[in-house]
Amino acid sequence: MSNLEKYNEAFITAFEITQEQLKDEFSYQDIPAWDSVGHMGLIAELEDAFDIMLEMEDIIEFSSYGEGKNILAKYSVEIS
Protein backbone atom coordinates (compact mmCIF):
# COMPACT_ATOMS: atom_id res chain seq x y z
CA MET A 1 0.00 0.00 0.00
CA SER A 2 1.38 3.41 -0.98
CA ASN A 3 1.76 6.28 1.46
CA LEU A 4 -1.09 8.11 -0.29
CA GLU A 5 -3.35 5.08 0.16
CA LYS A 6 -2.40 4.84 3.85
CA TYR A 7 -3.01 8.57 4.29
CA ASN A 8 -6.41 8.41 2.62
CA GLU A 9 -7.37 5.30 4.57
CA ALA A 10 -6.65 7.10 7.85
CA PHE A 11 -9.12 9.86 6.90
CA ILE A 12 -11.71 7.40 5.62
CA THR A 13 -11.48 5.30 8.78
CA ALA A 14 -11.38 8.20 11.24
CA PHE A 15 -14.27 10.12 9.71
CA GLU A 16 -16.27 7.44 7.88
CA ILE A 17 -16.13 9.39 4.63
CA THR A 18 -15.60 8.47 0.99
CA GLN A 19 -12.48 8.79 -1.14
CA GLU A 20 -14.26 11.44 -3.22
CA GLN A 21 -14.46 13.81 -0.24
CA LEU A 22 -10.67 13.95 0.09
CA LYS A 23 -9.40 17.16 -1.47
CA ASP A 24 -6.53 19.39 -0.32
CA GLU A 25 -9.03 21.95 0.93
CA PHE A 26 -10.93 19.39 3.07
CA SER A 27 -10.37 20.86 6.53
CA TYR A 28 -11.04 20.76 10.23
CA GLN A 29 -14.75 21.05 11.04
CA ASP A 30 -15.85 20.73 7.38
CA ILE A 31 -17.85 17.74 8.60
CA PRO A 32 -19.28 17.12 12.08
CA ALA A 33 -16.98 14.13 12.60
CA TRP A 34 -13.86 16.31 12.34
CA ASP A 35 -14.19 17.87 15.74
CA SER A 36 -11.58 17.74 18.52
CA VAL A 37 -12.30 14.09 19.32
CA GLY A 38 -12.31 13.11 15.64
CA HIS A 39 -9.08 15.03 15.16
CA MET A 40 -7.31 12.94 17.79
CA GLY A 41 -8.73 9.78 16.19
CA LEU A 42 -7.24 10.86 12.87
CA ILE A 43 -3.88 11.57 14.49
CA ALA A 44 -3.88 8.11 16.10
CA GLU A 45 -4.68 6.51 12.73
CA LEU A 46 -1.83 8.39 11.06
CA GLU A 47 0.67 7.62 13.80
CA ASP A 48 -0.18 3.92 13.56
CA ALA A 49 -0.13 3.86 9.76
CA PHE A 50 3.28 5.53 9.48
CA ASP A 51 4.83 4.41 12.78
CA ILE A 52 5.53 7.98 13.88
CA MET A 53 4.75 10.21 16.88
CA LEU A 54 3.59 13.68 15.91
CA GLU A 55 4.71 16.64 18.00
CA MET A 56 1.95 18.60 19.76
CA GLU A 57 2.58 21.66 17.57
CA ASP A 58 2.09 19.54 14.43
CA ILE A 59 -1.11 18.00 15.83
CA ILE A 60 -2.50 21.49 16.41
CA GLU A 61 -1.42 22.74 12.97
CA PHE A 62 -2.88 19.68 11.19
CA SER A 63 -5.86 21.66 9.94
CA SER A 64 -6.58 20.21 6.51
CA TYR A 65 -6.00 17.24 4.23
CA GLY A 66 -3.48 19.29 2.24
CA GLU A 67 -1.65 20.70 5.26
CA GLY A 68 -1.35 17.21 6.70
CA LYS A 69 0.77 16.18 3.72
CA ASN A 70 3.20 19.01 4.50
CA ILE A 71 3.35 18.10 8.17
CA LEU A 72 4.03 14.42 7.49
CA ALA A 73 6.88 15.40 5.16
CA LYS A 74 8.69 16.69 8.26
CA TYR A 75 8.63 13.08 9.50
CA SER A 76 10.04 11.76 6.20
CA VAL A 77 6.62 10.56 5.08
CA GLU A 78 6.14 11.61 1.46
CA ILE A 79 2.53 11.68 0.29
CA SER A 80 2.14 12.02 -3.47
PDB file of N, CA and C in Angstrom:
ATOM      1  N   MET A   1       0.849  -1.175   0.000  1.00  0.00           N
ATOM      2  CA  MET A   1       0.000   0.000   0.000  1.00  0.00           C
ATOM      3  C   MET A   1       0.900   1.246   0.000  1.00  0.00           C
ATOM      4  N   SER A   2       0.580   2.183  -0.883  1.00  0.00           N
ATOM      5  CA  SER A   2       1.377   3.408  -0.984  1.00  0.00           C
ATOM      6  C   SER A   2       1.098   4.326   0.205  1.00  0.00           C
ATOM      7  N   ASN A   3       1.978   5.307   0.383  1.00  0.00           N
ATOM      8  CA  ASN A   3       1.760   6.285   1.461  1.00  0.00           C
ATOM      9  C   ASN A   3       0.470   7.072   1.243  1.00  0.00           C
ATOM     10  N   LEU A   4       0.152   7.392  -0.005  1.00  0.00           N
ATOM     11  CA  LEU A   4      -1.090   8.108  -0.288  1.00  0.00           C
ATOM     12  C   LEU A   4      -2.296   7.249   0.103  1.00  0.00           C
ATOM     13  N   GLU A   5      -2.248   5.976  -0.206  1.00  0.00           N
ATOM     14  CA  GLU A   5      -3.347   5.080   0.162  1.00  0.00           C
ATOM     15  C   GLU A   5      -3.486   4.974   1.678  1.00  0.00           C
ATOM     16  N   LYS A   6      -2.369   4.889   2.385  1.00  0.00           N
ATOM     17  CA  LYS A   6      -2.403   4.844   3.847  1.00  0.00           C
ATOM     18  C   LYS A   6      -2.979   6.142   4.413  1.00  0.00           C
ATOM     19  N   TYR A   7      -2.551   7.252   3.849  1.00  0.00           N
ATOM     20  CA  TYR A   7      -3.011   8.568   4.287  1.00  0.00           C
ATOM     21  C   TYR A   7      -4.525   8.688   4.099  1.00  0.00           C
ATOM     22  N   ASN A   8      -4.979   8.349   2.902  1.00  0.00           N
ATOM     23  CA  ASN A   8      -6.410   8.413   2.617  1.00  0.00           C
ATOM     24  C   ASN A   8      -7.191   7.473   3.520  1.00  0.00           C
ATOM     25  N   GLU A   9      -6.690   6.283   3.734  1.00  0.00           N
ATOM     26  CA  GLU A   9      -7.373   5.301   4.574  1.00  0.00           C
ATOM     27  C   GLU A   9      -7.534   5.814   6.001  1.00  0.00           C
ATOM     28  N   ALA A  10      -6.550   6.536   6.504  1.00  0.00           N
ATOM     29  CA  ALA A  10      -6.645   7.104   7.849  1.00  0.00           C
ATOM     30  C   ALA A  10      -7.829   8.072   7.937  1.00  0.00           C
ATOM     31  N   PHE A  11      -7.991   8.924   6.932  1.00  0.00           N
ATOM     32  CA  PHE A  11      -9.119   9.858   6.904  1.00  0.00           C
ATOM     33  C   PHE A  11     -10.445   9.117   6.768  1.00  0.00           C
ATOM     34  N   ILE A  12     -10.480   8.154   5.869  1.00  0.00           N
ATOM     35  CA  ILE A  12     -11.709   7.396   5.617  1.00  0.00           C
ATOM     36  C   ILE A  12     -12.136   6.644   6.872  1.00  0.00           C
ATOM     37  N   THR A  13     -11.179   6.044   7.564  1.00  0.00           N
ATOM     38  CA  THR A  13     -11.479   5.299   8.784  1.00  0.00           C
ATOM     39  C   THR A  13     -11.881   6.232   9.924  1.00  0.00           C
ATOM     40  N   ALA A  14     -11.123   7.295  10.119  1.00  0.00           N
ATOM     41  CA  ALA A  14     -11.379   8.202  11.239  1.00  0.00           C
ATOM     42  C   ALA A  14     -12.721   8.923  11.110  1.00  0.00           C
ATOM     43  N   PHE A  15     -13.096   9.281   9.896  1.00  0.00           N
ATOM     44  CA  PHE A  15     -14.273  10.124   9.708  1.00  0.00           C
ATOM     45  C   PHE A  15     -15.437   9.432   8.994  1.00  0.00           C
ATOM     46  N   GLU A  16     -15.228   8.181   8.608  1.00  0.00           N
ATOM     47  CA  GLU A  16     -16.270   7.438   7.882  1.00  0.00           C
ATOM     48  C   GLU A  16     -16.778   8.229   6.679  1.00  0.00           C
ATOM     49  N   ILE A  17     -15.822   8.620   5.837  1.00  0.00           N
ATOM     50  CA  ILE A  17     -16.129   9.388   4.631  1.00  0.00           C
ATOM     51  C   ILE A  17     -15.720   8.580   3.411  1.00  0.00           C
ATOM     52  N   THR A  18     -15.977   9.133   2.230  1.00  0.00           N
ATOM     53  CA  THR A  18     -15.597   8.467   0.986  1.00  0.00           C
ATOM     54  C   THR A  18     -14.314   9.078   0.420  1.00  0.00           C
ATOM     55  N   GLN A  19     -13.698   8.335  -0.448  1.00  0.00           N
ATOM     56  CA  GLN A  19     -12.482   8.789  -1.137  1.00  0.00           C
ATOM     57  C   GLN A  19     -12.739  10.106  -1.871  1.00  0.00           C
ATOM     58  N   GLU A  20     -13.929  10.258  -2.432  1.00  0.00           N
ATOM     59  CA  GLU A  20     -14.259  11.440  -3.223  1.00  0.00           C
ATOM     60  C   GLU A  20     -14.265  12.728  -2.395  1.00  0.00           C
ATOM     61  N   GLN A  21     -14.441  12.622  -1.097  1.00  0.00           N
ATOM     62  CA  GLN A  21     -14.461  13.809  -0.236  1.00  0.00           C
ATOM     63  C   GLN A  21     -13.057  14.338   0.059  1.00  0.00           C
ATOM     64  N   LEU A  22     -12.043  13.568  -0.254  1.00  0.00           N
ATOM     65  CA  LEU A  22     -10.671  13.947   0.092  1.00  0.00           C
ATOM     66  C   LEU A  22     -10.065  14.857  -0.966  1.00  0.00           C
ATOM     67  N   LYS A  23     -10.018  16.120  -0.644  1.00  0.00           N
ATOM     68  CA  LYS A  23      -9.405  17.163  -1.472  1.00  0.00           C
ATOM     69  C   LYS A  23      -8.476  17.962  -0.560  1.00  0.00           C
ATOM     70  N   ASP A  24      -7.480  18.632  -1.131  1.00  0.00           N
ATOM     71  CA  ASP A  24      -6.528  19.393  -0.320  1.00  0.00           C
ATOM     72  C   ASP A  24      -7.219  20.414   0.578  1.00  0.00           C
ATOM     73  N   GLU A  25      -8.350  20.943   0.126  1.00  0.00           N
ATOM     74  CA  GLU A  25      -9.031  21.955   0.930  1.00  0.00           C
ATOM     75  C   GLU A  25      -9.976  21.362   1.980  1.00  0.00           C
ATOM     76  N   PHE A  26     -10.126  20.037   2.022  1.00  0.00           N
ATOM     77  CA  PHE A  26     -10.930  19.387   3.067  1.00  0.00           C
ATOM     78  C   PHE A  26     -10.277  19.707   4.408  1.00  0.00           C
ATOM     79  N   SER A  27     -11.021  20.365   5.316  1.00  0.00           N
ATOM     80  CA  SER A  27     -10.371  20.861   6.527  1.00  0.00           C
ATOM     81  C   SER A  27     -11.174  20.621   7.797  1.00  0.00           C
ATOM     82  N   TYR A  28     -10.498  20.910   8.887  1.00  0.00           N
ATOM     83  CA  TYR A  28     -11.044  20.760  10.234  1.00  0.00           C
ATOM     84  C   TYR A  28     -12.420  21.401  10.316  1.00  0.00           C
ATOM     85  N   GLN A  29     -13.356  20.653  10.829  1.00  0.00           N
ATOM     86  CA  GLN A  29     -14.747  21.047  11.037  1.00  0.00           C
ATOM     87  C   GLN A  29     -15.549  21.226   9.750  1.00  0.00           C
ATOM     88  N   ASP A  30     -15.044  20.740   8.600  1.00  0.00           N
ATOM     89  CA  ASP A  30     -15.850  20.727   7.378  1.00  0.00           C
ATOM     90  C   ASP A  30     -17.017  19.756   7.521  1.00  0.00           C
ATOM     91  N   ILE A  31     -16.805  18.721   8.308  1.00  0.00           N
ATOM     92  CA  ILE A  31     -17.853  17.744   8.595  1.00  0.00           C
ATOM     93  C   ILE A  31     -17.963  17.617  10.110  1.00  0.00           C
ATOM     94  N   PRO A  32     -19.124  17.241  10.623  1.00  0.00           N
ATOM     95  CA  PRO A  32     -19.282  17.123  12.084  1.00  0.00           C
ATOM     96  C   PRO A  32     -18.283  16.160  12.732  1.00  0.00           C
ATOM     97  N   ALA A  33     -17.894  15.118  12.017  1.00  0.00           N
ATOM     98  CA  ALA A  33     -16.982  14.130  12.595  1.00  0.00           C
ATOM     99  C   ALA A  33     -15.582  14.687  12.853  1.00  0.00           C
ATOM    100  N   TRP A  34     -15.196  15.752  12.125  1.00  0.00           N
ATOM    101  CA  TRP A  34     -13.858  16.313  12.336  1.00  0.00           C
ATOM    102  C   TRP A  34     -13.950  17.425  13.376  1.00  0.00           C
ATOM    103  N   ASP A  35     -14.219  16.988  14.579  1.00  0.00           N
ATOM    104  CA  ASP A  35     -14.189  17.874  15.739  1.00  0.00           C
ATOM    105  C   ASP A  35     -12.928  17.532  16.526  1.00  0.00           C
ATOM    106  N   SER A  36     -12.814  17.993  17.754  1.00  0.00           N
ATOM    107  CA  SER A  36     -11.582  17.744  18.517  1.00  0.00           C
ATOM    108  C   SER A  36     -11.359  16.257  18.789  1.00  0.00           C
ATOM    109  N   VAL A  37     -12.428  15.528  19.063  1.00  0.00           N
ATOM    110  CA  VAL A  37     -12.296  14.088  19.317  1.00  0.00           C
ATOM    111  C   VAL A  37     -11.939  13.358  18.018  1.00  0.00           C
ATOM    112  N   GLY A  38     -12.622  13.706  16.944  1.00  0.00           N
ATOM    113  CA  GLY A  38     -12.314  13.112  15.644  1.00  0.00           C
ATOM    114  C   GLY A  38     -10.900  13.423  15.197  1.00  0.00           C
ATOM    115  N   HIS A  39     -10.442  14.619  15.512  1.00  0.00           N
ATOM    116  CA  HIS A  39      -9.083  15.032  15.157  1.00  0.00           C
ATOM    117  C   HIS A  39      -8.059  14.105  15.816  1.00  0.00           C
ATOM    118  N   MET A  40      -8.261  13.817  17.088  1.00  0.00           N
ATOM    119  CA  MET A  40      -7.314  12.941  17.792  1.00  0.00           C
ATOM    120  C   MET A  40      -7.404  11.516  17.258  1.00  0.00           C
ATOM    121  N   GLY A  41      -8.592  11.090  16.832  1.00  0.00           N
ATOM    122  CA  GLY A  41      -8.726   9.779  16.193  1.00  0.00           C
ATOM    123  C   GLY A  41      -7.941   9.713  14.903  1.00  0.00           C
ATOM    124  N   LEU A  42      -8.003  10.788  14.111  1.00  0.00           N
ATOM    125  CA  LEU A  42      -7.235  10.856  12.872  1.00  0.00           C
ATOM    126  C   LEU A  42      -5.741  10.793  13.163  1.00  0.00           C
ATOM    127  N   ILE A  43      -5.301  11.558  14.133  1.00  0.00           N
ATOM    128  CA  ILE A  43      -3.876  11.571  14.492  1.00  0.00           C
ATOM    129  C   ILE A  43      -3.419  10.172  14.896  1.00  0.00           C
ATOM    130  N   ALA A  44      -4.225   9.483  15.688  1.00  0.00           N
ATOM    131  CA  ALA A  44      -3.884   8.113  16.101  1.00  0.00           C
ATOM    132  C   ALA A  44      -3.785   7.194  14.884  1.00  0.00           C
ATOM    133  N   GLU A  45      -4.716   7.325  13.954  1.00  0.00           N
ATOM    134  CA  GLU A  45      -4.681   6.506  12.728  1.00  0.00           C
ATOM    135  C   GLU A  45      -3.395   6.769  11.943  1.00  0.00           C
ATOM    136  N   LEU A  46      -3.034   8.035  11.814  1.00  0.00           N
ATOM    137  CA  LEU A  46      -1.828   8.388  11.058  1.00  0.00           C
ATOM    138  C   LEU A  46      -0.561   7.904  11.757  1.00  0.00           C
ATOM    139  N   GLU A  47      -0.509   8.074  13.063  1.00  0.00           N
ATOM    140  CA  GLU A  47       0.672   7.619  13.804  1.00  0.00           C
ATOM    141  C   GLU A  47       0.843   6.107  13.681  1.00  0.00           C
ATOM    142  N   ASP A  48      -0.249   5.382  13.729  1.00  0.00           N
ATOM    143  CA  ASP A  48      -0.182   3.920  13.564  1.00  0.00           C
ATOM    144  C   ASP A  48       0.217   3.542  12.140  1.00  0.00           C
ATOM    145  N   ALA A  49      -0.385   4.200  11.163  1.00  0.00           N
ATOM    146  CA  ALA A  49      -0.131   3.863   9.761  1.00  0.00           C
ATOM    147  C   ALA A  49       1.320   4.090   9.366  1.00  0.00           C
ATOM    148  N   PHE A  50       1.921   5.157   9.896  1.00  0.00           N
ATOM    149  CA  PHE A  50       3.275   5.527   9.481  1.00  0.00           C
ATOM    150  C   PHE A  50       4.327   5.291  10.560  1.00  0.00           C
ATOM    151  N   ASP A  51       3.924   4.713  11.680  1.00  0.00           N
ATOM    152  CA  ASP A  51       4.833   4.410  12.783  1.00  0.00           C
ATOM    153  C   ASP A  51       5.646   5.644  13.187  1.00  0.00           C
ATOM    154  N   ILE A  52       4.916   6.723  13.468  1.00  0.00           N
ATOM    155  CA  ILE A  52       5.526   7.981  13.884  1.00  0.00           C
ATOM    156  C   ILE A  52       4.797   8.498  15.118  1.00  0.00           C
ATOM    157  N   MET A  53       5.393   9.490  15.773  1.00  0.00           N
ATOM    158  CA  MET A  53       4.754  10.211  16.876  1.00  0.00           C
ATOM    159  C   MET A  53       4.807  11.696  16.525  1.00  0.00           C
ATOM    160  N   LEU A  54       3.651  12.273  16.277  1.00  0.00           N
ATOM    161  CA  LEU A  54       3.593  13.682  15.914  1.00  0.00           C
ATOM    162  C   LEU A  54       3.808  14.563  17.143  1.00  0.00           C
ATOM    163  N   GLU A  55       4.518  15.652  16.948  1.00  0.00           N
ATOM    164  CA  GLU A  55       4.714  16.642  18.003  1.00  0.00           C
ATOM    165  C   GLU A  55       3.402  17.400  18.219  1.00  0.00           C
ATOM    166  N   MET A  56       3.182  17.891  19.428  1.00  0.00           N
ATOM    167  CA  MET A  56       1.945  18.597  19.756  1.00  0.00           C
ATOM    168  C   MET A  56       1.694  19.769  18.806  1.00  0.00           C
ATOM    169  N   GLU A  57       2.724  20.525  18.486  1.00  0.00           N
ATOM    170  CA  GLU A  57       2.581  21.656  17.568  1.00  0.00           C
ATOM    171  C   GLU A  57       2.045  21.202  16.210  1.00  0.00           C
ATOM    172  N   ASP A  58       2.537  20.059  15.721  1.00  0.00           N
ATOM    173  CA  ASP A  58       2.085  19.544  14.434  1.00  0.00           C
ATOM    174  C   ASP A  58       0.645  19.041  14.515  1.00  0.00           C
ATOM    175  N   ILE A  59       0.275  18.458  15.635  1.00  0.00           N
ATOM    176  CA  ILE A  59      -1.105  17.999  15.828  1.00  0.00           C
ATOM    177  C   ILE A  59      -2.055  19.200  15.762  1.00  0.00           C
ATOM    178  N   ILE A  60      -1.677  20.282  16.403  1.00  0.00           N
ATOM    179  CA  ILE A  60      -2.501  21.491  16.411  1.00  0.00           C
ATOM    180  C   ILE A  60      -2.573  22.108  15.014  1.00  0.00           C
ATOM    181  N   GLU A  61      -1.470  22.117  14.291  1.00  0.00           N
ATOM    182  CA  GLU A  61      -1.424  22.737  12.967  1.00  0.00           C
ATOM    183  C   GLU A  61      -2.022  21.866  11.867  1.00  0.00           C
ATOM    184  N   PHE A  62      -2.318  20.614  12.167  1.00  0.00           N
ATOM    185  CA  PHE A  62      -2.881  19.684  11.185  1.00  0.00           C
ATOM    186  C   PHE A  62      -4.343  20.072  10.946  1.00  0.00           C
ATOM    187  N   SER A  63      -4.544  21.062  10.098  1.00  0.00           N
ATOM    188  CA  SER A  63      -5.865  21.662   9.942  1.00  0.00           C
ATOM    189  C   SER A  63      -6.600  21.282   8.662  1.00  0.00           C
ATOM    190  N   SER A  64      -5.917  20.605   7.748  1.00  0.00           N
ATOM    191  CA  SER A  64      -6.579  20.211   6.507  1.00  0.00           C
ATOM    192  C   SER A  64      -5.877  18.998   5.905  1.00  0.00           C
ATOM    193  N   TYR A  65      -6.554  18.381   4.962  1.00  0.00           N
ATOM    194  CA  TYR A  65      -5.995  17.245   4.233  1.00  0.00           C
ATOM    195  C   TYR A  65      -4.680  17.649   3.565  1.00  0.00           C
ATOM    196  N   GLY A  66      -4.673  18.809   2.920  1.00  0.00           N
ATOM    197  CA  GLY A  66      -3.476  19.289   2.240  1.00  0.00           C
ATOM    198  C   GLY A  66      -2.343  19.631   3.196  1.00  0.00           C
ATOM    199  N   GLU A  67      -2.665  20.322   4.277  1.00  0.00           N
ATOM    200  CA  GLU A  67      -1.645  20.703   5.263  1.00  0.00           C
ATOM    201  C   GLU A  67      -1.048  19.468   5.925  1.00  0.00           C
ATOM    202  N   GLY A  68      -1.847  18.445   6.101  1.00  0.00           N
ATOM    203  CA  GLY A  68      -1.353  17.208   6.695  1.00  0.00           C
ATOM    204  C   GLY A  68      -0.222  16.587   5.894  1.00  0.00           C
ATOM    205  N   LYS A  69      -0.302  16.700   4.577  1.00  0.00           N
ATOM    206  CA  LYS A  69       0.768  16.178   3.723  1.00  0.00           C
ATOM    207  C   LYS A  69       2.080  16.902   4.018  1.00  0.00           C
ATOM    208  N   ASN A  70       2.007  18.219   4.190  1.00  0.00           N
ATOM    209  CA  ASN A  70       3.204  19.007   4.496  1.00  0.00           C
ATOM    210  C   ASN A  70       3.774  18.640   5.862  1.00  0.00           C
ATOM    211  N   ILE A  71       2.902  18.447   6.826  1.00  0.00           N
ATOM    212  CA  ILE A  71       3.351  18.099   8.171  1.00  0.00           C
ATOM    213  C   ILE A  71       4.021  16.731   8.175  1.00  0.00           C
ATOM    214  N   LEU A  72       3.426  15.759   7.505  1.00  0.00           N
ATOM    215  CA  LEU A  72       4.027  14.421   7.487  1.00  0.00           C
ATOM    216  C   LEU A  72       5.375  14.408   6.774  1.00  0.00           C
ATOM    217  N   ALA A  73       5.577  15.323   5.836  1.00  0.00           N
ATOM    218  CA  ALA A  73       6.881  15.403   5.158  1.00  0.00           C
ATOM    219  C   ALA A  73       8.003  15.693   6.146  1.00  0.00           C
ATOM    220  N   LYS A  74       7.691  16.410   7.234  1.00  0.00           N
ATOM    221  CA  LYS A  74       8.694  16.693   8.264  1.00  0.00           C
ATOM    222  C   LYS A  74       9.134  15.422   8.979  1.00  0.00           C
ATOM    223  N   TYR A  75       8.321  14.367   8.868  1.00  0.00           N
ATOM    224  CA  TYR A  75       8.629  13.081   9.503  1.00  0.00           C
ATOM    225  C   TYR A  75       9.104  12.062   8.465  1.00  0.00           C
ATOM    226  N   SER A  76       9.554  12.576   7.316  1.00  0.00           N
ATOM    227  CA  SER A  76      10.036  11.761   6.204  1.00  0.00           C
ATOM    228  C   SER A  76       8.968  10.830   5.635  1.00  0.00           C
ATOM    229  N   VAL A  77       7.728  11.281   5.686  1.00  0.00           N
ATOM    230  CA  VAL A  77       6.618  10.556   5.080  1.00  0.00           C
ATOM    231  C   VAL A  77       6.166  11.370   3.878  1.00  0.00           C
ATOM    232  N   GLU A  78       6.499  10.907   2.696  1.00  0.00           N
ATOM    233  CA  GLU A  78       6.143  11.613   1.462  1.00  0.00           C
ATOM    234  C   GLU A  78       4.798  11.088   0.961  1.00  0.00           C
ATOM    235  N   ILE A  79       3.858  12.004   0.798  1.00  0.00           N
ATOM    236  CA  ILE A  79       2.528  11.682   0.286  1.00  0.00           C
ATOM    237  C   ILE A  79       2.421  12.307  -1.105  1.00  0.00           C
ATOM    238  N   SER A  80       2.278  11.461  -2.107  1.00  0.00           N
ATOM    239  CA  SER A  80       2.142  12.019  -3.471  1.00  0.00           C
ATOM    240  C   SER A  80       1.163  11.215  -4.289  1.00  0.00           C
TER     241      SER A  80
END
